[in-house]
PDB file of N, CA and C in Angstrom:
ATOM      1  N   UNK A   1      26.263 -48.366  20.381  1.00  0.00           N
ATOM      2  CA  UNK A   1      25.947 -47.805  21.683  1.00  0.00           C
ATOM      3  C   UNK A   1      26.030 -46.288  21.615  1.00  0.00           C
ATOM      4  N   UNK A   2      25.207 -45.649  22.424  1.00  0.00           N
ATOM      5  CA  UNK A   2      25.175 -44.195  22.523  1.00  0.00           C
ATOM      6  C   UNK A   2      25.149 -43.837  24.002  1.00  0.00           C
ATOM      7  N   UNK A   3      26.142 -43.091  24.446  1.00  0.00           N
ATOM      8  CA  UNK A   3      26.299 -42.765  25.857  1.00  0.00           C
ATOM      9  C   UNK A   3      25.937 -41.309  26.097  1.00  0.00           C
ATOM     10  N   UNK A   4      25.207 -41.077  27.189  1.00  0.00           N
ATOM     11  CA  UNK A   4      24.801 -39.733  27.583  1.00  0.00           C
ATOM     12  C   UNK A   4      25.263 -39.493  29.016  1.00  0.00           C
ATOM     13  N   UNK A   5      25.953 -38.377  29.224  1.00  0.00           N
ATOM     14  CA  UNK A   5      26.375 -37.961  30.559  1.00  0.00           C
ATOM     15  C   UNK A   5      25.721 -36.614  30.855  1.00  0.00           C
ATOM     16  N   UNK A   6      25.040 -36.545  31.968  1.00  0.00           N
ATOM     17  CA  UNK A   6      24.340 -35.319  32.357  1.00  0.00           C
ATOM     18  C   UNK A   6      24.804 -34.928  33.749  1.00  0.00           C
ATOM     19  N   UNK A   7      25.090 -33.653  33.928  1.00  0.00           N
ATOM     20  CA  UNK A   7      25.406 -33.125  35.246  1.00  0.00           C
ATOM     21  C   UNK A   7      24.395 -32.047  35.590  1.00  0.00           C
ATOM     22  N   UNK A   8      23.707 -32.243  36.701  1.00  0.00           N
ATOM     23  CA  UNK A   8      22.752 -31.260  37.208  1.00  0.00           C
ATOM     24  C   UNK A   8      23.372 -30.507  38.371  1.00  0.00           C
ATOM     25  N   UNK A   9      23.198 -29.222  38.384  1.00  0.00           N
ATOM     26  CA  UNK A   9      23.449 -28.411  39.564  1.00  0.00           C
ATOM     27  C   UNK A   9      22.088 -28.104  40.160  1.00  0.00           C
ATOM     28  N   UNK A  10      21.748 -28.763  41.238  1.00  0.00           N
ATOM     29  CA  UNK A  10      20.431 -28.609  41.862  1.00  0.00           C
ATOM     30  C   UNK A  10      20.456 -27.374  42.764  1.00  0.00           C
ATOM     31  N   UNK A  11      19.385 -26.614  42.719  1.00  0.00           N
ATOM     32  CA  UNK A  11      19.309 -25.404  43.535  1.00  0.00           C
ATOM     33  C   UNK A  11      19.447 -25.738  45.022  1.00  0.00           C
ATOM     34  N   UNK A  12      20.027 -24.808  45.748  1.00  0.00           N
ATOM     35  CA  UNK A  12      20.207 -24.955  47.192  1.00  0.00           C
ATOM     36  C   UNK A  12      18.861 -25.276  47.853  1.00  0.00           C
ATOM     37  N   UNK A  13      18.823 -26.321  48.660  1.00  0.00           N
ATOM     38  CA  UNK A  13      17.616 -26.700  49.385  1.00  0.00           C
ATOM     39  C   UNK A  13      16.607 -27.502  48.588  1.00  0.00           C
ATOM     40  N   UNK A  14      16.918 -27.816  47.318  1.00  0.00           N
ATOM     41  CA  UNK A  14      15.947 -28.516  46.469  1.00  0.00           C
ATOM     42  C   UNK A  14      16.263 -30.001  46.274  1.00  0.00           C
ATOM     43  N   UNK A  15      17.368 -30.476  46.839  1.00  0.00           N
ATOM     44  CA  UNK A  15      17.778 -31.865  46.616  1.00  0.00           C
ATOM     45  C   UNK A  15      16.729 -32.864  47.124  1.00  0.00           C
ATOM     46  N   UNK A  16      16.080 -32.583  48.245  1.00  0.00           N
ATOM     47  CA  UNK A  16      15.069 -33.500  48.782  1.00  0.00           C
ATOM     48  C   UNK A  16      13.872 -33.643  47.857  1.00  0.00           C
ATOM     49  N   UNK A  17      13.574 -32.633  47.075  1.00  0.00           N
ATOM     50  CA  UNK A  17      12.499 -32.717  46.083  1.00  0.00           C
ATOM     51  C   UNK A  17      13.001 -33.348  44.789  1.00  0.00           C
ATOM     52  N   UNK A  18      14.222 -32.992  44.402  1.00  0.00           N
ATOM     53  CA  UNK A  18      14.768 -33.431  43.123  1.00  0.00           C
ATOM     54  C   UNK A  18      15.062 -34.929  43.082  1.00  0.00           C
ATOM     55  N   UNK A  19      15.715 -35.445  44.107  1.00  0.00           N
ATOM     56  CA  UNK A  19      16.222 -36.819  44.047  1.00  0.00           C
ATOM     57  C   UNK A  19      15.135 -37.884  43.868  1.00  0.00           C
ATOM     58  N   UNK A  20      13.997 -37.828  44.570  1.00  0.00           N
ATOM     59  CA  UNK A  20      12.974 -38.852  44.302  1.00  0.00           C
ATOM     60  C   UNK A  20      12.455 -38.808  42.861  1.00  0.00           C
ATOM     61  N   UNK A  21      12.346 -37.616  42.300  1.00  0.00           N
ATOM     62  CA  UNK A  21      11.914 -37.482  40.906  1.00  0.00           C
ATOM     63  C   UNK A  21      12.974 -38.060  39.965  1.00  0.00           C
ATOM     64  N   UNK A  22      14.241 -37.821  40.286  1.00  0.00           N
ATOM     65  CA  UNK A  22      15.338 -38.324  39.459  1.00  0.00           C
ATOM     66  C   UNK A  22      15.401 -39.839  39.492  1.00  0.00           C
ATOM     67  N   UNK A  23      15.266 -40.419  40.682  1.00  0.00           N
ATOM     68  CA  UNK A  23      15.312 -41.876  40.808  1.00  0.00           C
ATOM     69  C   UNK A  23      14.127 -42.537  40.110  1.00  0.00           C
ATOM     70  N   UNK A  24      12.960 -41.917  40.169  1.00  0.00           N
ATOM     71  CA  UNK A  24      11.791 -42.440  39.456  1.00  0.00           C
ATOM     72  C   UNK A  24      12.016 -42.371  37.950  1.00  0.00           C
ATOM     73  N   UNK A  25      12.638 -41.296  37.495  1.00  0.00           N
ATOM     74  CA  UNK A  25      12.940 -41.154  36.067  1.00  0.00           C
ATOM     75  C   UNK A  25      13.899 -42.250  35.602  1.00  0.00           C
ATOM     76  N   UNK A  26      14.917 -42.530  36.387  1.00  0.00           N
ATOM     77  CA  UNK A  26      15.861 -43.589  36.033  1.00  0.00           C
ATOM     78  C   UNK A  26      15.146 -44.941  35.945  1.00  0.00           C
ATOM     79  N   UNK A  27      14.323 -45.233  36.934  1.00  0.00           N
ATOM     80  CA  UNK A  27      13.586 -46.505  36.938  1.00  0.00           C
ATOM     81  C   UNK A  27      12.643 -46.597  35.744  1.00  0.00           C
ATOM     82  N   UNK A  28      11.917 -45.511  35.465  1.00  0.00           N
ATOM     83  CA  UNK A  28      11.002 -45.504  34.321  1.00  0.00           C
ATOM     84  C   UNK A  28      11.751 -45.724  33.011  1.00  0.00           C
ATOM     85  N   UNK A  29      12.889 -45.085  32.865  1.00  0.00           N
ATOM     86  CA  UNK A  29      13.663 -45.244  31.637  1.00  0.00           C
ATOM     87  C   UNK A  29      14.110 -46.687  31.446  1.00  0.00           C
ATOM     88  N   UNK A  30      14.587 -47.308  32.518  1.00  0.00           N
ATOM     89  CA  UNK A  30      15.065 -48.686  32.422  1.00  0.00           C
ATOM     90  C   UNK A  30      13.932 -49.688  32.202  1.00  0.00           C
ATOM     91  N   UNK A  31      12.773 -49.440  32.779  1.00  0.00           N
ATOM     92  CA  UNK A  31      11.679 -50.410  32.665  1.00  0.00           C
ATOM     93  C   UNK A  31      10.774 -50.177  31.461  1.00  0.00           C
ATOM     94  N   UNK A  32      10.696 -48.965  30.983  1.00  0.00           N
ATOM     95  CA  UNK A  32       9.772 -48.646  29.882  1.00  0.00           C
ATOM     96  C   UNK A  32      10.446 -48.512  28.525  1.00  0.00           C
ATOM     97  N   UNK A  33      11.765 -48.434  28.516  1.00  0.00           N
ATOM     98  CA  UNK A  33      12.491 -48.231  27.265  1.00  0.00           C
ATOM     99  C   UNK A  33      13.435 -49.412  27.026  1.00  0.00           C
ATOM    100  N   UNK A  34      13.057 -50.323  26.152  1.00  0.00           N
ATOM    101  CA  UNK A  34      13.882 -51.515  25.939  1.00  0.00           C
ATOM    102  C   UNK A  34      15.280 -51.212  25.397  1.00  0.00           C
ATOM    103  N   UNK A  35      15.477 -50.043  24.801  1.00  0.00           N
ATOM    104  CA  UNK A  35      16.790 -49.693  24.266  1.00  0.00           C
ATOM    105  C   UNK A  35      17.582 -48.770  25.197  1.00  0.00           C
ATOM    106  N   UNK A  36      17.122 -48.626  26.438  1.00  0.00           N
ATOM    107  CA  UNK A  36      17.895 -47.951  27.479  1.00  0.00           C
ATOM    108  C   UNK A  36      18.530 -49.061  28.310  1.00  0.00           C
ATOM    109  N   UNK A  37      19.846 -49.197  28.205  1.00  0.00           N
ATOM    110  CA  UNK A  37      20.552 -50.305  28.835  1.00  0.00           C
ATOM    111  C   UNK A  37      21.109 -49.982  30.218  1.00  0.00           C
ATOM    112  N   UNK A  38      21.344 -48.698  30.477  1.00  0.00           N
ATOM    113  CA  UNK A  38      21.927 -48.305  31.759  1.00  0.00           C
ATOM    114  C   UNK A  38      21.496 -46.887  32.072  1.00  0.00           C
ATOM    115  N   UNK A  39      21.207 -46.645  33.352  1.00  0.00           N
ATOM    116  CA  UNK A  39      20.822 -45.300  33.796  1.00  0.00           C
ATOM    117  C   UNK A  39      21.269 -45.152  35.240  1.00  0.00           C
ATOM    118  N   UNK A  40      22.518 -44.747  35.419  1.00  0.00           N
ATOM    119  CA  UNK A  40      23.093 -44.587  36.753  1.00  0.00           C
ATOM    120  C   UNK A  40      22.878 -43.157  37.240  1.00  0.00           C
ATOM    121  N   UNK A  41      22.491 -43.025  38.496  1.00  0.00           N
ATOM    122  CA  UNK A  41      22.334 -41.728  39.150  1.00  0.00           C
ATOM    123  C   UNK A  41      23.392 -41.657  40.247  1.00  0.00           C
ATOM    124  N   UNK A  42      24.256 -40.642  40.171  1.00  0.00           N
ATOM    125  CA  UNK A  42      25.369 -40.511  41.116  1.00  0.00           C
ATOM    126  C   UNK A  42      25.345 -39.123  41.744  1.00  0.00           C
ATOM    127  N   UNK A  43      25.797 -39.044  42.996  1.00  0.00           N
ATOM    128  CA  UNK A  43      25.924 -37.745  43.654  1.00  0.00           C
ATOM    129  C   UNK A  43      27.237 -37.718  44.415  1.00  0.00           C
ATOM    130  N   UNK A  44      27.542 -36.560  44.995  1.00  0.00           N
ATOM    131  CA  UNK A  44      28.764 -36.442  45.766  1.00  0.00           C
ATOM    132  C   UNK A  44      29.945 -35.983  44.944  1.00  0.00           C
ATOM    133  N   UNK A  45      29.676 -35.271  43.873  1.00  0.00           N
ATOM    134  CA  UNK A  45      30.762 -34.755  43.038  1.00  0.00           C
ATOM    135  C   UNK A  45      31.428 -33.564  43.689  1.00  0.00           C
ATOM    136  N   UNK A  46      31.561 -32.498  42.939  1.00  0.00           N
ATOM    137  CA  UNK A  46      32.280 -31.321  43.442  1.00  0.00           C
ATOM    138  C   UNK A  46      31.465 -30.512  44.448  1.00  0.00           C
ATOM    139  N   UNK A  47      30.167 -30.810  44.566  1.00  0.00           N
ATOM    140  CA  UNK A  47      29.346 -30.127  45.574  1.00  0.00           C
ATOM    141  C   UNK A  47      28.206 -31.039  46.011  1.00  0.00           C
ATOM    142  N   UNK A  48      27.580 -30.697  47.129  1.00  0.00           N
ATOM    143  CA  UNK A  48      26.452 -31.490  47.624  1.00  0.00           C
ATOM    144  C   UNK A  48      25.220 -31.352  46.735  1.00  0.00           C
ATOM    145  N   UNK A  49      25.235 -30.375  45.838  1.00  0.00           N
ATOM    146  CA  UNK A  49      24.081 -30.123  44.970  1.00  0.00           C
ATOM    147  C   UNK A  49      24.292 -30.646  43.556  1.00  0.00           C
ATOM    148  N   UNK A  50      25.318 -31.467  43.349  1.00  0.00           N
ATOM    149  CA  UNK A  50      25.608 -31.997  42.019  1.00  0.00           C
ATOM    150  C   UNK A  50      25.095 -33.426  41.887  1.00  0.00           C
ATOM    151  N   UNK A  51      24.409 -33.685  40.768  1.00  0.00           N
ATOM    152  CA  UNK A  51      23.933 -35.031  40.439  1.00  0.00           C
ATOM    153  C   UNK A  51      24.428 -35.350  39.036  1.00  0.00           C
ATOM    154  N   UNK A  52      25.044 -36.514  38.888  1.00  0.00           N
ATOM    155  CA  UNK A  52      25.621 -36.947  37.615  1.00  0.00           C
ATOM    156  C   UNK A  52      24.875 -38.178  37.123  1.00  0.00           C
ATOM    157  N   UNK A  53      24.503 -38.183  35.855  1.00  0.00           N
ATOM    158  CA  UNK A  53      23.841 -39.335  35.231  1.00  0.00           C
ATOM    159  C   UNK A  53      24.753 -39.941  34.182  1.00  0.00           C
ATOM    160  N   UNK A  54      24.768 -41.258  34.138  1.00  0.00           N
ATOM    161  CA  UNK A  54      25.482 -42.003  33.104  1.00  0.00           C
ATOM    162  C   UNK A  54      24.466 -42.945  32.478  1.00  0.00           C
ATOM    163  N   UNK A  55      24.151 -42.684  31.203  1.00  0.00           N
ATOM    164  CA  UNK A  55      23.093 -43.436  30.520  1.00  0.00           C
ATOM    165  C   UNK A  55      23.660 -44.087  29.258  1.00  0.00           C
ATOM    166  N   UNK A  56      23.210 -45.307  28.972  1.00  0.00           N
ATOM    167  CA  UNK A  56      23.612 -45.983  27.741  1.00  0.00           C
ATOM    168  C   UNK A  56      22.351 -46.421  26.993  1.00  0.00           C
ATOM    169  N   UNK A  57      22.316 -46.061  25.725  1.00  0.00           N
ATOM    170  CA  UNK A  57      21.198 -46.409  24.833  1.00  0.00           C
ATOM    171  C   UNK A  57      21.734 -47.211  23.654  1.00  0.00           C
ATOM    172  N   UNK A  58      20.852 -47.926  22.993  1.00  0.00           N
ATOM    173  CA  UNK A  58      21.249 -48.730  21.845  1.00  0.00           C
ATOM    174  C   UNK A  58      21.761 -47.861  20.698  1.00  0.00           C
ATOM    175  N   UNK A  59      21.203 -46.640  20.585  1.00  0.00           N
ATOM    176  CA  UNK A  59      21.546 -45.768  19.459  1.00  0.00           C
ATOM    177  C   UNK A  59      21.130 -44.334  19.780  1.00  0.00           C
ATOM    178  N   UNK A  60      21.546 -43.425  18.939  1.00  0.00           N
ATOM    179  CA  UNK A  60      21.113 -42.031  19.080  1.00  0.00           C
ATOM    180  C   UNK A  60      19.597 -41.933  18.935  1.00  0.00           C
ATOM    181  N   UNK A  61      19.029 -42.722  18.038  1.00  0.00           N
ATOM    182  CA  UNK A  61      17.570 -42.731  17.857  1.00  0.00           C
ATOM    183  C   UNK A  61      16.855 -43.188  19.131  1.00  0.00           C
ATOM    184  N   UNK A  62      17.432 -44.141  19.835  1.00  0.00           N
ATOM    185  CA  UNK A  62      16.834 -44.598  21.099  1.00  0.00           C
ATOM    186  C   UNK A  62      16.865 -43.485  22.135  1.00  0.00           C
ATOM    187  N   UNK A  63      17.935 -42.690  22.145  1.00  0.00           N
ATOM    188  CA  UNK A  63      17.994 -41.547  23.057  1.00  0.00           C
ATOM    189  C   UNK A  63      16.967 -40.486  22.663  1.00  0.00           C
ATOM    190  N   UNK A  64      16.814 -40.259  21.386  1.00  0.00           N
ATOM    191  CA  UNK A  64      15.800 -39.295  20.929  1.00  0.00           C
ATOM    192  C   UNK A  64      14.401 -39.763  21.330  1.00  0.00           C
ATOM    193  N   UNK A  65      14.143 -41.072  21.270  1.00  0.00           N
ATOM    194  CA  UNK A  65      12.861 -41.622  21.723  1.00  0.00           C
ATOM    195  C   UNK A  65      12.695 -41.398  23.221  1.00  0.00           C
ATOM    196  N   UNK A  66      13.782 -41.525  23.973  1.00  0.00           N
ATOM    197  CA  UNK A  66      13.754 -41.257  25.414  1.00  0.00           C
ATOM    198  C   UNK A  66      13.315 -39.819  25.672  1.00  0.00           C
ATOM    199  N   UNK A  67      13.906 -38.865  24.940  1.00  0.00           N
ATOM    200  CA  UNK A  67      13.567 -37.454  25.127  1.00  0.00           C
ATOM    201  C   UNK A  67      12.118 -37.144  24.775  1.00  0.00           C
ATOM    202  N   UNK A  68      11.536 -37.944  23.888  1.00  0.00           N
ATOM    203  CA  UNK A  68      10.145 -37.738  23.470  1.00  0.00           C
ATOM    204  C   UNK A  68       9.143 -38.517  24.321  1.00  0.00           C
ATOM    205  N   UNK A  69       9.644 -39.347  25.230  1.00  0.00           N
ATOM    206  CA  UNK A  69       8.748 -40.184  26.037  1.00  0.00           C
ATOM    207  C   UNK A  69       7.946 -39.342  27.027  1.00  0.00           C
ATOM    208  N   UNK A  70       6.766 -39.817  27.332  1.00  0.00           N
ATOM    209  CA  UNK A  70       5.887 -39.115  28.263  1.00  0.00           C
ATOM    210  C   UNK A  70       6.541 -38.969  29.635  1.00  0.00           C
ATOM    211  N   UNK A  71       7.177 -40.028  30.111  1.00  0.00           N
ATOM    212  CA  UNK A  71       7.788 -39.960  31.442  1.00  0.00           C
ATOM    213  C   UNK A  71       8.934 -38.959  31.492  1.00  0.00           C
ATOM    214  N   UNK A  72       9.713 -38.819  30.400  1.00  0.00           N
ATOM    215  CA  UNK A  72      10.779 -37.820  30.402  1.00  0.00           C
ATOM    216  C   UNK A  72      10.199 -36.406  30.374  1.00  0.00           C
ATOM    217  N   UNK A  73       9.210 -36.182  29.550  1.00  0.00           N
ATOM    218  CA  UNK A  73       8.596 -34.855  29.445  1.00  0.00           C
ATOM    219  C   UNK A  73       8.009 -34.432  30.786  1.00  0.00           C
ATOM    220  N   UNK A  74       7.362 -35.361  31.480  1.00  0.00           N
ATOM    221  CA  UNK A  74       6.804 -35.059  32.805  1.00  0.00           C
ATOM    222  C   UNK A  74       7.916 -34.776  33.815  1.00  0.00           C
ATOM    223  N   UNK A  75       8.982 -35.569  33.782  1.00  0.00           N
ATOM    224  CA  UNK A  75      10.115 -35.347  34.674  1.00  0.00           C
ATOM    225  C   UNK A  75      10.747 -33.985  34.417  1.00  0.00           C
ATOM    226  N   UNK A  76      10.995 -33.690  33.172  1.00  0.00           N
ATOM    227  CA  UNK A  76      11.647 -32.430  32.804  1.00  0.00           C
ATOM    228  C   UNK A  76      10.854 -31.228  33.307  1.00  0.00           C
ATOM    229  N   UNK A  77       9.538 -31.289  33.167  1.00  0.00           N
ATOM    230  CA  UNK A  77       8.684 -30.199  33.655  1.00  0.00           C
ATOM    231  C   UNK A  77       8.704 -30.126  35.178  1.00  0.00           C
ATOM    232  N   UNK A  78       8.699 -31.278  35.827  1.00  0.00           N
ATOM    233  CA  UNK A  78       8.641 -31.324  37.300  1.00  0.00           C
ATOM    234  C   UNK A  78       9.906 -30.786  37.954  1.00  0.00           C
ATOM    235  N   UNK A  79      11.054 -30.946  37.304  1.00  0.00           N
ATOM    236  CA  UNK A  79      12.312 -30.524  37.929  1.00  0.00           C
ATOM    237  C   UNK A  79      12.836 -29.187  37.418  1.00  0.00           C
ATOM    238  N   UNK A  80      12.194 -28.597  36.454  1.00  0.00           N
ATOM    239  CA  UNK A  80      12.748 -27.384  35.833  1.00  0.00           C
ATOM    240  C   UNK A  80      13.010 -26.270  36.836  1.00  0.00           C
ATOM    241  N   UNK A  81      12.168 -26.105  37.836  1.00  0.00           N
ATOM    242  CA  UNK A  81      12.362 -25.050  38.838  1.00  0.00           C
ATOM    243  C   UNK A  81      13.344 -25.455  39.941  1.00  0.00           C
ATOM    244  N   UNK A  82      13.786 -26.705  39.930  1.00  0.00           N
ATOM    245  CA  UNK A  82      14.703 -27.204  40.956  1.00  0.00           C
ATOM    246  C   UNK A  82      16.158 -27.170  40.511  1.00  0.00           C
ATOM    247  N   UNK A  83      16.399 -26.895  39.240  1.00  0.00           N
ATOM    248  CA  UNK A  83      17.739 -26.986  38.651  1.00  0.00           C
ATOM    249  C   UNK A  83      18.333 -25.595  38.435  1.00  0.00           C
ATOM    250  N   UNK A  84      19.559 -25.414  38.922  1.00  0.00           N
ATOM    251  CA  UNK A  84      20.288 -24.163  38.694  1.00  0.00           C
ATOM    252  C   UNK A  84      21.056 -24.224  37.373  1.00  0.00           C
ATOM    253  N   UNK A  85      21.579 -25.412  37.045  1.00  0.00           N
ATOM    254  CA  UNK A  85      22.316 -25.581  35.797  1.00  0.00           C
ATOM    255  C   UNK A  85      22.296 -27.044  35.372  1.00  0.00           C
ATOM    256  N   UNK A  86      22.512 -27.251  34.070  1.00  0.00           N
ATOM    257  CA  UNK A  86      22.490 -28.605  33.514  1.00  0.00           C
ATOM    258  C   UNK A  86      23.458 -28.658  32.337  1.00  0.00           C
ATOM    259  N   UNK A  87      24.243 -29.731  32.302  1.00  0.00           N
ATOM    260  CA  UNK A  87      25.196 -29.943  31.212  1.00  0.00           C
ATOM    261  C   UNK A  87      24.977 -31.340  30.655  1.00  0.00           C
ATOM    262  N   UNK A  88      24.901 -31.461  29.330  1.00  0.00           N
ATOM    263  CA  UNK A  88      24.685 -32.751  28.684  1.00  0.00           C
ATOM    264  C   UNK A  88      25.798 -32.990  27.663  1.00  0.00           C
ATOM    265  N   UNK A  89      26.423 -34.161  27.743  1.00  0.00           N
ATOM    266  CA  UNK A  89      27.419 -34.585  26.751  1.00  0.00           C
ATOM    267  C   UNK A  89      27.000 -35.939  26.216  1.00  0.00           C
ATOM    268  N   UNK A  90      27.202 -36.143  24.918  1.00  0.00           N
ATOM    269  CA  UNK A  90      26.863 -37.422  24.303  1.00  0.00           C
ATOM    270  C   UNK A  90      28.083 -37.989  23.576  1.00  0.00           C
ATOM    271  N   UNK A  91      28.120 -39.315  23.506  1.00  0.00           N
ATOM    272  CA  UNK A  91      29.255 -39.999  22.917  1.00  0.00           C
ATOM    273  C   UNK A  91      28.776 -41.205  22.115  1.00  0.00           C
ATOM    274  N   UNK A  92      29.322 -41.386  20.937  1.00  0.00           N
ATOM    275  CA  UNK A  92      29.056 -42.576  20.152  1.00  0.00           C
ATOM    276  C   UNK A  92      30.200 -43.561  20.312  1.00  0.00           C
ATOM    277  N   UNK A  93      29.884 -44.810  20.231  1.00  0.00           N
ATOM    278  CA  UNK A  93      30.901 -45.851  20.391  1.00  0.00           C
ATOM    279  C   UNK A  93      31.821 -45.902  19.165  1.00  0.00           C
ATOM    280  N   UNK A  94      33.094 -46.098  19.406  1.00  0.00           N
ATOM    281  CA  UNK A  94      34.061 -46.274  18.331  1.00  0.00           C
ATOM    282  C   UNK A  94      34.438 -47.758  18.312  1.00  0.00           C
ATOM    283  N   UNK A  95      34.197 -48.386  17.201  1.00  0.00           N
ATOM    284  CA  UNK A  95      34.519 -49.805  17.078  1.00  0.00           C
ATOM    285  C   UNK A  95      35.993 -49.973  16.743  1.00  0.00           C
ATOM    286  N   UNK A  96      36.684 -50.845  17.477  1.00  0.00           N
ATOM    287  CA  UNK A  96      38.108 -51.062  17.258  1.00  0.00           C
ATOM    288  C   UNK A  96      38.382 -52.236  16.310  1.00  0.00           C
ATOM    289  N   UNK A  97      37.348 -52.940  15.950  1.00  0.00           N
ATOM    290  CA  UNK A  97      37.533 -54.076  15.042  1.00  0.00           C
ATOM    291  C   UNK A  97      38.131 -55.284  15.742  1.00  0.00           C
ATOM    292  N   UNK A  98      38.280 -56.367  14.995  1.00  0.00           N
ATOM    293  CA  UNK A  98      38.872 -57.596  15.567  1.00  0.00           C
ATOM    294  C   UNK A  98      40.026 -58.064  14.732  1.00  0.00           C
TER     295      UNK A  98
END
């Protein structure tokens, strides 16, 4: 498993434009990418303009395929002027054995 956490700081007044694009991106990722297992969109963090994503992919390669997908490239271009800041963290699963 490969986990991706993204935090967006959406520009003041841009949330109404950003959120429908974000929700469409989540749906596209889940329906078009068989190795995208989870794509949660959360808000209400430290500010009204913060959006947090929690994504799970089968592997790092599956996440790289996500970044190269047409729907991601279109989303990224569509929201670039709506975002004040963005932070991305990735995590690989640690197997504890049996």
